[in-house]
Amino acid sequence: MTTKSLLQAIGEGLAEEMRSDESVMVLGEDVGRAGGVFRVTEGLQKEFGPERVMDTPLAESLIVGAAIGLSVNGMRPVAEIQFADFIPPAFDQIVNEAARFYYRSNGAWSCPLTIRVPYGAVHGGALYHSQSVEAWFCNTPGLKVVAPTYPADAKGMLKSAIRDPNPVLFLEHKRTYRLIKEDVPEEDYAVPLGEARVHREGDDITVVAYGLVLHTALEVAEKLSGEQGIEVEVVEPRTLYPLDKETILRSAKKTGKVLIASEANLTGSVSGEIAAVVAAEAFEWLDGPVMRLGAPDVPAAAFAKPMLDFFVPGEMEIEAAMLELARY
């Protein structure tokens, strides 16, 4: 085991897959010589050359379209979209092309494509560098959407994504890149897609969360345990589509009270889908309403730090929601 940040673990996972499989390549804006805007791909072009670590024009539709072409011709490309906010031009290629190859060919064609996407609010990011876009893609059969927030999980799930025969959207919360660190196995391993992770056991409340909000929820859960004896079970979906309903429902039935938290806008969000699953399939076990926390329905995060702090659910909001649910 070696302690690594989320950023380091993802970069290491990319390098290991490229060393073990010559069909794996990386392409995107500034991923080569510059090593990526966040330096995730730093050093890869020097080791593997410009044909396998390819700088592209600033054209997201081209990046994903070219990656689709590579994937159906024997390669396993990892395409990077520099910021989630820039992904709309590639939406047609992802949803109408990549996600439908296997289905439209009755299983004859696969599209082994991984699309790495830094997402989430960040100070100074404002309108075009702080969006959470997961809900746009979690209504797309044929596309897996994953969002791990711990280094060991991220490395193992990236390996699974690259090895998957069909497209995977791999979301990376940019504020956790250097913030979150843990021990990561040095040997080769993979973490299956589609499985949630229970980070903390509890009997009083279930909190389902991902991204930076997950880490805030875990901190609040420890605080409430020590101060008030409220034991919160914290579940991270890790894969947002398809959801691991079994793990979420097991926890909901165990505690009878569920809070779903993320920093995405509430309306039409992944949290709404999770809430619907719990309400429909665990109703008889519930002792309170299914609650949700998320960003207000405004077009984007603000530039000013106080407004950004208001936009993203923080410790105070999460604690208040947990206490309200516990006392219901």
C-alpha atoms as a PDB file:
ATOM      1  CA  MET A   1       0.000   0.000   0.000  1.00  0.00           C
ATOM      2  CA  THR A   2       1.104   3.548  -0.810  1.00  0.00           C
ATOM      3  CA  THR A   3      -0.754   6.710   0.195  1.00  0.00           C
ATOM      4  CA  LYS A   4      -1.973   8.546  -2.894  1.00  0.00           C
ATOM      5  CA  SER A   5      -4.318  11.376  -3.761  1.00  0.00           C
ATOM      6  CA  LEU A   6      -7.292  10.853  -6.039  1.00  0.00           C
ATOM      7  CA  LEU A   7      -5.360  12.564  -8.838  1.00  0.00           C
ATOM      8  CA  GLN A   8      -2.314  10.329  -8.385  1.00  0.00           C
ATOM      9  CA  ALA A   9      -4.404   7.159  -8.217  1.00  0.00           C
ATOM     10  CA  ILE A  10      -6.204   7.954 -11.481  1.00  0.00           C
ATOM     11  CA  GLY A  11      -2.943   8.806 -13.243  1.00  0.00           C
ATOM     12  CA  GLU A  12      -1.367   5.595 -11.983  1.00  0.00           C
ATOM     13  CA  GLY A  13      -4.352   3.565 -13.142  1.00  0.00           C
ATOM     14  CA  LEU A  14      -4.063   5.037 -16.635  1.00  0.00           C
ATOM     15  CA  ALA A  15      -0.344   4.280 -16.823  1.00  0.00           C
ATOM     16  CA  GLU A  16      -0.773   0.693 -15.643  1.00  0.00           C
ATOM     17  CA  GLU A  17      -3.508  -0.030 -18.181  1.00  0.00           C
ATOM     18  CA  MET A  18      -1.424   1.485 -20.969  1.00  0.00           C
ATOM     19  CA  ARG A  19       1.564  -0.643 -20.015  1.00  0.00           C
ATOM     20  CA  SER A  20      -0.471  -3.854 -19.937  1.00  0.00           C
ATOM     21  CA  ASP A  21      -2.549  -3.225 -23.083  1.00  0.00           C
ATOM     22  CA  GLU A  22      -1.144  -1.483 -26.165  1.00  0.00           C
ATOM     23  CA  SER A  23      -4.654  -0.730 -27.415  1.00  0.00           C
ATOM     24  CA  VAL A  24      -5.218   1.711 -24.540  1.00  0.00           C
ATOM     25  CA  MET A  25      -4.560   5.329 -25.485  1.00  0.00           C
ATOM     26  CA  VAL A  26      -5.385   8.797 -24.174  1.00  0.00           C
ATOM     27  CA  LEU A  27      -6.628  11.801 -26.131  1.00  0.00           C
ATOM     28  CA  GLY A  28      -7.909  15.234 -25.236  1.00  0.00           C
ATOM     29  CA  GLU A  29      -7.089  18.899 -24.845  1.00  0.00           C
ATOM     30  CA  ASP A  30      -3.582  19.411 -23.373  1.00  0.00           C
ATOM     31  CA  VAL A  31      -3.324  15.819 -22.091  1.00  0.00           C
ATOM     32  CA  GLY A  32       0.067  15.261 -23.719  1.00  0.00           C
ATOM     33  CA  ARG A  33       2.829  17.845 -23.439  1.00  0.00           C
ATOM     34  CA  ALA A  34       1.096  19.760 -20.629  1.00  0.00           C
ATOM     35  CA  GLY A  35      -0.025  16.652 -18.757  1.00  0.00           C
ATOM     36  CA  GLY A  36      -3.617  17.847 -18.530  1.00  0.00           C
ATOM     37  CA  VAL A  37      -4.995  20.987 -16.936  1.00  0.00           C
ATOM     38  CA  PHE A  38      -5.011  19.195 -13.550  1.00  0.00           C
ATOM     39  CA  ARG A  39      -1.798  17.220 -14.332  1.00  0.00           C
ATOM     40  CA  VAL A  40      -3.568  13.843 -14.184  1.00  0.00           C
ATOM     41  CA  THR A  41      -1.834  12.665 -17.378  1.00  0.00           C
ATOM     42  CA  GLU A  42       1.553  14.197 -16.565  1.00  0.00           C
ATOM     43  CA  GLY A  43       4.435  12.061 -17.839  1.00  0.00           C
ATOM     44  CA  LEU A  44       2.288   9.755 -19.974  1.00  0.00           C
ATOM     45  CA  GLN A  45       3.280  11.235 -23.341  1.00  0.00           C
ATOM     46  CA  LYS A  46       6.948  11.004 -22.428  1.00  0.00           C
ATOM     47  CA  GLU A  47       6.550   7.290 -21.622  1.00  0.00           C
ATOM     48  CA  PHE A  48       4.134   6.231 -24.351  1.00  0.00           C
ATOM     49  CA  GLY A  49       4.675   8.764 -27.133  1.00  0.00           C
ATOM     50  CA  PRO A  50       2.355  11.242 -28.903  1.00  0.00           C
ATOM     51  CA  GLU A  51       0.495   8.549 -30.852  1.00  0.00           C
ATOM     52  CA  ARG A  52      -0.852   7.009 -27.637  1.00  0.00           C
ATOM     53  CA  VAL A  53      -1.153  10.239 -25.633  1.00  0.00           C
ATOM     54  CA  MET A  54      -2.589  12.606 -28.187  1.00  0.00           C
ATOM     55  CA  ASP A  55      -3.235  16.333 -27.880  1.00  0.00           C
ATOM     56  CA  THR A  56      -6.386  17.337 -29.753  1.00  0.00           C
ATOM     57  CA  PRO A  57      -7.979  20.581 -30.948  1.00  0.00           C
ATOM     58  CA  LEU A  58     -10.393  22.365 -28.612  1.00  0.00           C
ATOM     59  CA  ALA A  59     -13.372  20.485 -30.023  1.00  0.00           C
ATOM     60  CA  GLU A  60     -15.216  18.107 -27.714  1.00  0.00           C
ATOM     61  CA  SER A  61     -17.380  16.626 -30.464  1.00  0.00           C
ATOM     62  CA  LEU A  62     -14.214  15.780 -32.376  1.00  0.00           C
ATOM     63  CA  ILE A  63     -12.549  14.259 -29.293  1.00  0.00           C
ATOM     64  CA  VAL A  64     -15.411  11.867 -28.578  1.00  0.00           C
ATOM     65  CA  GLY A  65     -16.190  11.217 -32.246  1.00  0.00           C
ATOM     66  CA  ALA A  66     -12.574  10.284 -32.954  1.00  0.00           C
ATOM     67  CA  ALA A  67     -12.506   8.129 -29.824  1.00  0.00           C
ATOM     68  CA  ILE A  68     -15.606   6.260 -30.995  1.00  0.00           C
ATOM     69  CA  GLY A  69     -13.937   5.588 -34.323  1.00  0.00           C
ATOM     70  CA  LEU A  70     -10.822   4.311 -32.555  1.00  0.00           C
ATOM     71  CA  SER A  71     -12.881   2.111 -30.223  1.00  0.00           C
ATOM     72  CA  VAL A  72     -14.692   0.308 -33.029  1.00  0.00           C
ATOM     73  CA  ASN A  73     -11.372  -0.300 -34.776  1.00  0.00           C
ATOM     74  CA  GLY A  74      -9.560  -2.219 -32.077  1.00  0.00           C
ATOM     75  CA  MET A  75      -8.440   0.510 -29.677  1.00  0.00           C
ATOM     76  CA  ARG A  76      -9.511   1.264 -26.107  1.00  0.00           C
ATOM     77  CA  PRO A  77      -9.355   5.067 -25.998  1.00  0.00           C
ATOM     78  CA  VAL A  78      -9.636   7.170 -22.854  1.00  0.00           C
ATOM     79  CA  ALA A  79     -10.964  10.553 -23.928  1.00  0.00           C
ATOM     80  CA  GLU A  80     -10.649  13.496 -21.545  1.00  0.00           C
ATOM     81  CA  ILE A  81     -13.121  16.372 -21.535  1.00  0.00           C
ATOM     82  CA  GLN A  82     -11.185  19.131 -19.806  1.00  0.00           C
ATOM     83  CA  PHE A  83     -14.166  20.319 -17.727  1.00  0.00           C
ATOM     84  CA  ALA A  84     -17.656  18.833 -17.465  1.00  0.00           C
ATOM     85  CA  ASP A  85     -19.006  22.221 -18.484  1.00  0.00           C
ATOM     86  CA  PHE A  86     -17.495  21.729 -21.958  1.00  0.00           C
ATOM     87  CA  ILE A  87     -19.211  18.403 -22.653  1.00  0.00           C
ATOM     88  CA  PRO A  88     -22.432  19.640 -24.384  1.00  0.00           C
ATOM     89  CA  PRO A  89     -20.843  19.738 -27.888  1.00  0.00           C
ATOM     90  CA  ALA A  90     -20.019  16.026 -27.453  1.00  0.00           C
ATOM     91  CA  PHE A  91     -23.480  15.100 -26.180  1.00  0.00           C
ATOM     92  CA  ASP A  92     -24.706  13.813 -29.535  1.00  0.00           C
ATOM     93  CA  GLN A  93     -21.636  11.611 -30.014  1.00  0.00           C
ATOM     94  CA  ILE A  94     -21.941  10.151 -26.493  1.00  0.00           C
ATOM     95  CA  VAL A  95     -25.716   9.609 -26.333  1.00  0.00           C
ATOM     96  CA  ASN A  96     -26.724   8.996 -29.959  1.00  0.00           C
ATOM     97  CA  GLU A  97     -23.630   7.128 -31.100  1.00  0.00           C
ATOM     98  CA  ALA A  98     -21.414   5.556 -28.422  1.00  0.00           C
ATOM     99  CA  ALA A  99     -24.222   4.451 -26.116  1.00  0.00           C
ATOM    100  CA  ARG A 100     -26.183   2.818 -28.953  1.00  0.00           C
ATOM    101  CA  PHE A 101     -23.525   0.879 -30.859  1.00  0.00           C
ATOM    102  CA  TYR A 102     -24.044  -2.412 -29.058  1.00  0.00           C
ATOM    103  CA  TYR A 103     -27.855  -2.204 -29.102  1.00  0.00           C
ATOM    104  CA  ARG A 104     -28.285  -1.081 -32.678  1.00  0.00           C
ATOM    105  CA  SER A 105     -25.979  -3.844 -33.930  1.00  0.00           C
ATOM    106  CA  ASN A 106     -27.713  -6.559 -31.889  1.00  0.00           C
ATOM    107  CA  GLY A 107     -24.478  -7.149 -29.996  1.00  0.00           C
ATOM    108  CA  ALA A 108     -22.239  -7.348 -33.054  1.00  0.00           C
ATOM    109  CA  TRP A 109     -20.323  -4.115 -32.325  1.00  0.00           C
ATOM    110  CA  SER A 110     -18.933  -2.937 -29.037  1.00  0.00           C
ATOM    111  CA  CYS A 111     -17.626   0.516 -28.173  1.00  0.00           C
ATOM    112  CA  PRO A 112     -14.927   0.205 -25.462  1.00  0.00           C
ATOM    113  CA  LEU A 113     -14.622   3.904 -24.720  1.00  0.00           C
ATOM    114  CA  THR A 114     -13.899   5.691 -21.427  1.00  0.00           C
ATOM    115  CA  ILE A 115     -14.637   9.407 -21.135  1.00  0.00           C
ATOM    116  CA  ARG A 116     -12.951  11.108 -18.171  1.00  0.00           C
ATOM    117  CA  VAL A 117     -14.761  14.232 -16.967  1.00  0.00           C
ATOM    118  CA  PRO A 118     -13.722  16.531 -14.079  1.00  0.00           C
ATOM    119  CA  TYR A 119     -16.938  17.924 -12.557  1.00  0.00           C
ATOM    120  CA  GLY A 120     -18.197  19.803  -9.501  1.00  0.00           C
ATOM    121  CA  ALA A 121     -18.112  23.273  -8.011  1.00  0.00           C
ATOM    122  CA  VAL A 122     -14.775  24.934  -7.317  1.00  0.00           C
ATOM    123  CA  HIS A 123     -13.889  28.368  -5.983  1.00  0.00           C
ATOM    124  CA  GLY A 124     -13.477  30.785  -8.868  1.00  0.00           C
ATOM    125  CA  GLY A 125     -14.938  28.309 -11.357  1.00  0.00           C
ATOM    126  CA  ALA A 126     -18.264  30.084 -11.736  1.00  0.00           C
ATOM    127  CA  LEU A 127     -20.536  29.408 -14.705  1.00  0.00           C
ATOM    128  CA  TYR A 128     -18.228  27.409 -16.980  1.00  0.00           C
ATOM    129  CA  HIS A 129     -15.988  25.435 -14.627  1.00  0.00           C
ATOM    130  CA  SER A 130     -18.253  24.248 -11.796  1.00  0.00           C
ATOM    131  CA  GLN A 131     -21.153  22.241 -13.177  1.00  0.00           C
ATOM    132  CA  SER A 132     -22.417  18.815 -12.154  1.00  0.00           C
ATOM    133  CA  VAL A 133     -23.663  17.223 -15.366  1.00  0.00           C
ATOM    134  CA  GLU A 134     -24.366  13.655 -14.278  1.00  0.00           C
ATOM    135  CA  ALA A 135     -28.160  13.890 -14.634  1.00  0.00           C
ATOM    136  CA  TRP A 136     -27.819  14.641 -18.350  1.00  0.00           C
ATOM    137  CA  PHE A 137     -26.383  11.167 -18.915  1.00  0.00           C
ATOM    138  CA  CYS A 138     -28.127   9.012 -16.307  1.00  0.00           C
ATOM    139  CA  ASN A 139     -31.096   8.582 -18.633  1.00  0.00           C
ATOM    140  CA  THR A 140     -29.035   6.875 -21.320  1.00  0.00           C
ATOM    141  CA  PRO A 141     -29.225   3.057 -21.504  1.00  0.00           C
ATOM    142  CA  GLY A 142     -26.023   1.702 -22.986  1.00  0.00           C
ATOM    143  CA  LEU A 143     -23.873   4.197 -21.085  1.00  0.00           C
ATOM    144  CA  LYS A 144     -22.461   3.596 -17.607  1.00  0.00           C
ATOM    145  CA  VAL A 145     -21.926   6.653 -15.406  1.00  0.00           C
ATOM    146  CA  VAL A 146     -19.510   6.302 -12.492  1.00  0.00           C
ATOM    147  CA  ALA A 147     -18.349   8.852  -9.912  1.00  0.00           C
ATOM    148  CA  PRO A 148     -15.906   7.397  -7.345  1.00  0.00           C
ATOM    149  CA  THR A 149     -14.484   9.794  -4.770  1.00  0.00           C
ATOM    150  CA  TYR A 150     -11.829   7.712  -2.995  1.00  0.00           C
ATOM    151  CA  PRO A 151      -8.416   7.067  -4.596  1.00  0.00           C
ATOM    152  CA  ALA A 152      -8.394   3.256  -4.333  1.00  0.00           C
ATOM    153  CA  ASP A 153     -11.929   3.041  -5.713  1.00  0.00           C
ATOM    154  CA  ALA A 154     -11.141   5.480  -8.515  1.00  0.00           C
ATOM    155  CA  LYS A 155      -8.077   3.570  -9.662  1.00  0.00           C
ATOM    156  CA  GLY A 156      -9.853   0.215  -9.576  1.00  0.00           C
ATOM    157  CA  MET A 157     -13.000   1.527 -11.259  1.00  0.00           C
ATOM    158  CA  LEU A 158     -10.986   3.267 -13.966  1.00  0.00           C
ATOM    159  CA  LYS A 159      -9.386  -0.060 -14.790  1.00  0.00           C
ATOM    160  CA  SER A 160     -12.833  -1.675 -14.970  1.00  0.00           C
ATOM    161  CA  ALA A 161     -14.083   1.169 -17.165  1.00  0.00           C
ATOM    162  CA  ILE A 162     -11.182   0.812 -19.615  1.00  0.00           C
ATOM    163  CA  ARG A 163     -11.684  -2.950 -19.784  1.00  0.00           C
ATOM    164  CA  ASP A 164     -15.460  -2.648 -20.246  1.00  0.00           C
ATOM    165  CA  PRO A 165     -16.632  -3.459 -23.792  1.00  0.00           C
ATOM    166  CA  ASN A 166     -19.019  -0.508 -23.823  1.00  0.00           C
ATOM    167  CA  PRO A 167     -18.808   3.236 -23.055  1.00  0.00           C
ATOM    168  CA  VAL A 168     -18.274   4.548 -19.537  1.00  0.00           C
ATOM    169  CA  LEU A 169     -18.532   8.174 -18.420  1.00  0.00           C
ATOM    170  CA  PHE A 170     -15.988   8.522 -15.609  1.00  0.00           C
ATOM    171  CA  LEU A 171     -16.702  11.542 -13.403  1.00  0.00           C
ATOM    172  CA  GLU A 172     -13.965  12.962 -11.175  1.00  0.00           C
ATOM    173  CA  HIS A 173     -14.803  15.677  -8.637  1.00  0.00           C
ATOM    174  CA  LYS A 174     -12.075  18.232  -9.193  1.00  0.00           C
ATOM    175  CA  ARG A 175     -12.011  19.532  -5.606  1.00  0.00           C
ATOM    176  CA  THR A 176     -11.202  16.034  -4.351  1.00  0.00           C
ATOM    177  CA  TYR A 177      -8.218  15.579  -6.700  1.00  0.00           C
ATOM    178  CA  ARG A 178      -5.619  16.635  -4.118  1.00  0.00           C
ATOM    179  CA  LEU A 179      -7.841  16.848  -1.039  1.00  0.00           C
ATOM    180  CA  ILE A 180      -8.670  13.148  -0.608  1.00  0.00           C
ATOM    181  CA  LYS A 181      -5.835  10.711   0.097  1.00  0.00           C
ATOM    182  CA  GLU A 182      -5.705   7.082   1.215  1.00  0.00           C
ATOM    183  CA  ASP A 183      -3.654   3.919   0.878  1.00  0.00           C
ATOM    184  CA  VAL A 184      -3.883   2.408  -2.603  1.00  0.00           C
ATOM    185  CA  PRO A 185      -2.833  -1.194  -3.399  1.00  0.00           C
ATOM    186  CA  GLU A 186       0.288  -1.465  -5.529  1.00  0.00           C
ATOM    187  CA  GLU A 187      -0.688  -4.739  -7.174  1.00  0.00           C
ATOM    188  CA  ASP A 188      -3.064  -4.902 -10.132  1.00  0.00           C
ATOM    189  CA  TYR A 189      -6.714  -4.887  -9.091  1.00  0.00           C
ATOM    190  CA  ALA A 190     -10.088  -3.775 -10.411  1.00  0.00           C
ATOM    191  CA  VAL A 191     -13.219  -2.533  -8.643  1.00  0.00           C
ATOM    192  CA  PRO A 192     -16.442  -3.725 -10.318  1.00  0.00           C
ATOM    193  CA  LEU A 193     -18.763  -1.124 -11.787  1.00  0.00           C
ATOM    194  CA  GLY A 194     -22.322  -1.036 -10.521  1.00  0.00           C
ATOM    195  CA  GLU A 195     -21.603  -1.703  -6.835  1.00  0.00           C
ATOM    196  CA  ALA A 196     -22.223   0.817  -4.053  1.00  0.00           C
ATOM    197  CA  ARG A 197     -19.996   1.104  -0.987  1.00  0.00           C
ATOM    198  CA  VAL A 198     -21.105   1.452   2.629  1.00  0.00           C
ATOM    199  CA  HIS A 199     -18.519   3.729   4.240  1.00  0.00           C
ATOM    200  CA  ARG A 200     -20.084   3.836   7.681  1.00  0.00           C
ATOM    201  CA  GLU A 201     -22.535   1.527   9.440  1.00  0.00           C
ATOM    202  CA  GLY A 202     -25.482   2.981  11.375  1.00  0.00           C
ATOM    203  CA  ASP A 203     -29.002   2.189  12.552  1.00  0.00           C
ATOM    204  CA  ASP A 204     -30.724   5.593  12.751  1.00  0.00           C
ATOM    205  CA  ILE A 205     -30.414   7.259   9.325  1.00  0.00           C
ATOM    206  CA  THR A 206     -29.187   6.350   5.870  1.00  0.00           C
ATOM    207  CA  VAL A 207     -27.353   9.040   3.915  1.00  0.00           C
ATOM    208  CA  VAL A 208     -26.702   8.367   0.242  1.00  0.00           C
ATOM    209  CA  ALA A 209     -24.109  10.780  -1.125  1.00  0.00           C
ATOM    210  CA  TYR A 210     -21.333  11.163  -3.687  1.00  0.00           C
ATOM    211  CA  GLY A 211     -18.728  13.700  -4.698  1.00  0.00           C
ATOM    212  CA  LEU A 212     -17.374  16.227  -2.222  1.00  0.00           C
ATOM    213  CA  VAL A 213     -20.671  16.131  -0.306  1.00  0.00           C
ATOM    214  CA  LEU A 214     -19.940  12.504   0.610  1.00  0.00           C
ATOM    215  CA  HIS A 215     -16.890  13.535   2.612  1.00  0.00           C
ATOM    216  CA  THR A 216     -18.820  16.303   4.364  1.00  0.00           C
ATOM    217  CA  ALA A 217     -21.576  13.820   5.219  1.00  0.00           C
ATOM    218  CA  LEU A 218     -19.052  11.417   6.744  1.00  0.00           C
ATOM    219  CA  GLU A 219     -17.604  14.209   8.910  1.00  0.00           C
ATOM    220  CA  VAL A 220     -21.074  15.215  10.116  1.00  0.00           C
ATOM    221  CA  ALA A 221     -21.982  11.583  10.800  1.00  0.00           C
ATOM    222  CA  GLU A 222     -18.976  11.212  13.092  1.00  0.00           C
ATOM    223  CA  LYS A 223     -19.862  14.455  14.841  1.00  0.00           C
ATOM    224  CA  LEU A 224     -23.483  13.404  15.506  1.00  0.00           C
ATOM    225  CA  SER A 225     -22.340  10.027  16.765  1.00  0.00           C
ATOM    226  CA  GLY A 226     -20.025  11.598  19.316  1.00  0.00           C
ATOM    227  CA  GLU A 227     -22.285  14.454  20.397  1.00  0.00           C
ATOM    228  CA  GLN A 228     -25.780  12.968  20.245  1.00  0.00           C
ATOM    229  CA  GLY A 229     -25.441   9.237  19.786  1.00  0.00           C
ATOM    230  CA  ILE A 230     -27.127   9.355  16.365  1.00  0.00           C
ATOM    231  CA  GLU A 231     -25.644   6.632  14.177  1.00  0.00           C
ATOM    232  CA  VAL A 232     -25.717   7.449  10.481  1.00  0.00           C
ATOM    233  CA  GLU A 233     -25.127   4.863   7.771  1.00  0.00           C
ATOM    234  CA  VAL A 234     -23.351   6.482   4.810  1.00  0.00           C
ATOM    235  CA  VAL A 235     -23.664   4.867   1.384  1.00  0.00           C
ATOM    236  CA  GLU A 236     -21.764   5.967  -1.717  1.00  0.00           C
ATOM    237  CA  PRO A 237     -23.369   4.781  -4.969  1.00  0.00           C
ATOM    238  CA  ARG A 238     -20.008   5.003  -6.835  1.00  0.00           C
ATOM    239  CA  THR A 239     -21.884   4.052 -10.018  1.00  0.00           C
ATOM    240  CA  LEU A 240     -24.724   6.499 -10.690  1.00  0.00           C
ATOM    241  CA  TYR A 241     -26.125   4.579 -13.669  1.00  0.00           C
ATOM    242  CA  PRO A 242     -27.047   1.821 -13.322  1.00  0.00           C
ATOM    243  CA  LEU A 243     -27.661   2.207  -9.585  1.00  0.00           C
ATOM    244  CA  ASP A 244     -26.910  -0.496  -7.061  1.00  0.00           C
ATOM    245  CA  LYS A 245     -30.499  -0.557  -5.828  1.00  0.00           C
ATOM    246  CA  GLU A 246     -29.949  -3.610  -3.632  1.00  0.00           C
ATOM    247  CA  THR A 247     -27.392  -1.937  -1.359  1.00  0.00           C
ATOM    248  CA  ILE A 248     -29.354   1.317  -1.121  1.00  0.00           C
ATOM    249  CA  LEU A 249     -32.629  -0.473  -0.350  1.00  0.00           C
ATOM    250  CA  ARG A 250     -30.989  -2.753   2.214  1.00  0.00           C
ATOM    251  CA  SER A 251     -29.739   0.292   4.089  1.00  0.00           C
ATOM    252  CA  ALA A 252     -33.074   2.128   3.766  1.00  0.00           C
ATOM    253  CA  LYS A 253     -34.965  -0.845   5.209  1.00  0.00           C
ATOM    254  CA  LYS A 254     -32.439  -1.122   8.028  1.00  0.00           C
ATOM    255  CA  THR A 255     -32.681   2.511   9.214  1.00  0.00           C
ATOM    256  CA  GLY A 256     -36.146   3.552   7.996  1.00  0.00           C
ATOM    257  CA  LYS A 257     -34.972   7.112   7.263  1.00  0.00           C
ATOM    258  CA  VAL A 258     -33.141   8.272   4.136  1.00  0.00           C
ATOM    259  CA  LEU A 259     -31.372  11.466   3.109  1.00  0.00           C
ATOM    260  CA  ILE A 260     -29.848  11.817  -0.370  1.00  0.00           C
ATOM    261  CA  ALA A 261     -27.241  14.540  -0.827  1.00  0.00           C
ATOM    262  CA  SER A 262     -25.227  15.888  -3.749  1.00  0.00           C
ATOM    263  CA  GLU A 263     -24.265  19.290  -5.131  1.00  0.00           C
ATOM    264  CA  ALA A 264     -26.254  18.929  -8.349  1.00  0.00           C
ATOM    265  CA  ASN A 265     -29.422  20.944  -8.905  1.00  0.00           C
ATOM    266  CA  LEU A 266     -32.308  19.127  -7.227  1.00  0.00           C
ATOM    267  CA  THR A 267     -34.825  19.156 -10.062  1.00  0.00           C
ATOM    268  CA  GLY A 268     -34.295  16.208 -12.405  1.00  0.00           C
ATOM    269  CA  SER A 269     -31.269  15.032 -10.439  1.00  0.00           C
ATOM    270  CA  VAL A 270     -29.834  11.605  -9.647  1.00  0.00           C
ATOM    271  CA  SER A 271     -30.986  12.157  -6.057  1.00  0.00           C
ATOM    272  CA  GLY A 272     -34.565  12.267  -7.333  1.00  0.00           C
ATOM    273  CA  GLU A 273     -34.160   8.854  -8.968  1.00  0.00           C
ATOM    274  CA  ILE A 274     -32.700   7.392  -5.776  1.00  0.00           C
ATOM    275  CA  ALA A 275     -35.560   8.897  -3.773  1.00  0.00           C
ATOM    276  CA  ALA A 276     -38.085   7.365  -6.181  1.00  0.00           C
ATOM    277  CA  VAL A 277     -36.492   3.926  -5.845  1.00  0.00           C
ATOM    278  CA  VAL A 278     -36.580   4.120  -2.040  1.00  0.00           C
ATOM    279  CA  ALA A 279     -40.161   5.421  -1.947  1.00  0.00           C
ATOM    280  CA  ALA A 280     -41.418   2.754  -4.340  1.00  0.00           C
ATOM    281  CA  GLU A 281     -39.515  -0.270  -3.043  1.00  0.00           C
ATOM    282  CA  ALA A 282     -38.939   0.414   0.667  1.00  0.00           C
ATOM    283  CA  PHE A 283     -42.099   2.338   1.552  1.00  0.00           C
ATOM    284  CA  GLU A 284     -43.305  -0.087   4.225  1.00  0.00           C
ATOM    285  CA  TRP A 285     -39.995   0.189   6.101  1.00  0.00           C
ATOM    286  CA  LEU A 286     -39.858   4.001   6.164  1.00  0.00           C
ATOM    287  CA  ASP A 287     -40.379   5.990   9.379  1.00  0.00           C
ATOM    288  CA  GLY A 288     -40.042   9.412   7.793  1.00  0.00           C
ATOM    289  CA  PRO A 289     -40.068  11.221   4.463  1.00  0.00           C
ATOM    290  CA  VAL A 290     -37.298  10.619   1.964  1.00  0.00           C
ATOM    291  CA  MET A 291     -35.292  13.853   2.113  1.00  0.00           C
ATOM    292  CA  ARG A 292     -32.932  15.432  -0.419  1.00  0.00           C
ATOM    293  CA  LEU A 293     -30.218  18.052  -0.335  1.00  0.00           C
ATOM    294  CA  GLY A 294     -28.688  19.686  -3.385  1.00  0.00           C
ATOM    295  CA  ALA A 295     -27.899  22.952  -5.094  1.00  0.00           C
ATOM    296  CA  PRO A 296     -30.718  25.438  -5.624  1.00  0.00           C
ATOM    297  CA  ASP A 297     -32.257  25.525  -9.077  1.00  0.00           C
ATOM    298  CA  VAL A 298     -30.166  28.384 -10.430  1.00  0.00           C
ATOM    299  CA  PRO A 299     -28.328  28.179 -13.770  1.00  0.00           C
ATOM    300  CA  ALA A 300     -24.818  27.810 -12.345  1.00  0.00           C
ATOM    301  CA  ALA A 301     -22.514  28.323  -9.385  1.00  0.00           C
ATOM    302  CA  ALA A 302     -21.585  31.923  -8.684  1.00  0.00           C
ATOM    303  CA  PHE A 303     -18.048  33.319  -8.820  1.00  0.00           C
ATOM    304  CA  ALA A 304     -18.175  34.914  -5.351  1.00  0.00           C
ATOM    305  CA  LYS A 305     -17.073  32.531  -2.598  1.00  0.00           C
ATOM    306  CA  PRO A 306     -19.988  33.325  -0.213  1.00  0.00           C
ATOM    307  CA  MET A 307     -22.463  32.551  -2.984  1.00  0.00           C
ATOM    308  CA  LEU A 308     -20.623  29.364  -3.924  1.00  0.00           C
ATOM    309  CA  ASP A 309     -20.723  28.261  -0.289  1.00  0.00           C
ATOM    310  CA  PHE A 310     -24.482  28.880  -0.363  1.00  0.00           C
ATOM    311  CA  PHE A 311     -24.786  26.909  -3.605  1.00  0.00           C
ATOM    312  CA  VAL A 312     -23.081  23.715  -2.354  1.00  0.00           C
ATOM    313  CA  PRO A 313     -24.629  21.901   0.641  1.00  0.00           C
ATOM    314  CA  GLY A 314     -22.164  22.294   3.505  1.00  0.00           C
ATOM    315  CA  GLU A 315     -21.734  20.962   7.008  1.00  0.00           C
ATOM    316  CA  MET A 316     -24.487  23.124   8.534  1.00  0.00           C
ATOM    317  CA  GLU A 317     -27.089  22.172   5.948  1.00  0.00           C
ATOM    318  CA  ILE A 318     -26.247  18.474   6.098  1.00  0.00           C
ATOM    319  CA  GLU A 319     -26.268  18.401   9.903  1.00  0.00           C
ATOM    320  CA  ALA A 320     -29.606  20.222  10.044  1.00  0.00           C
ATOM    321  CA  ALA A 321     -31.144  17.762   7.573  1.00  0.00           C
ATOM    322  CA  MET A 322     -29.807  14.761   9.489  1.00  0.00           C
ATOM    323  CA  LEU A 323     -31.149  16.091  12.802  1.00  0.00           C
ATOM    324  CA  GLU A 324     -34.547  16.882  11.286  1.00  0.00           C
ATOM    325  CA  LEU A 325     -34.811  13.363   9.918  1.00  0.00           C
ATOM    326  CA  ALA A 326     -33.554  11.761  13.137  1.00  0.00           C
ATOM    327  CA  ARG A 327     -36.188  13.579  15.183  1.00  0.00           C
ATOM    328  CA  TYR A 328     -39.045  12.903  12.794  1.00  0.00           C
END
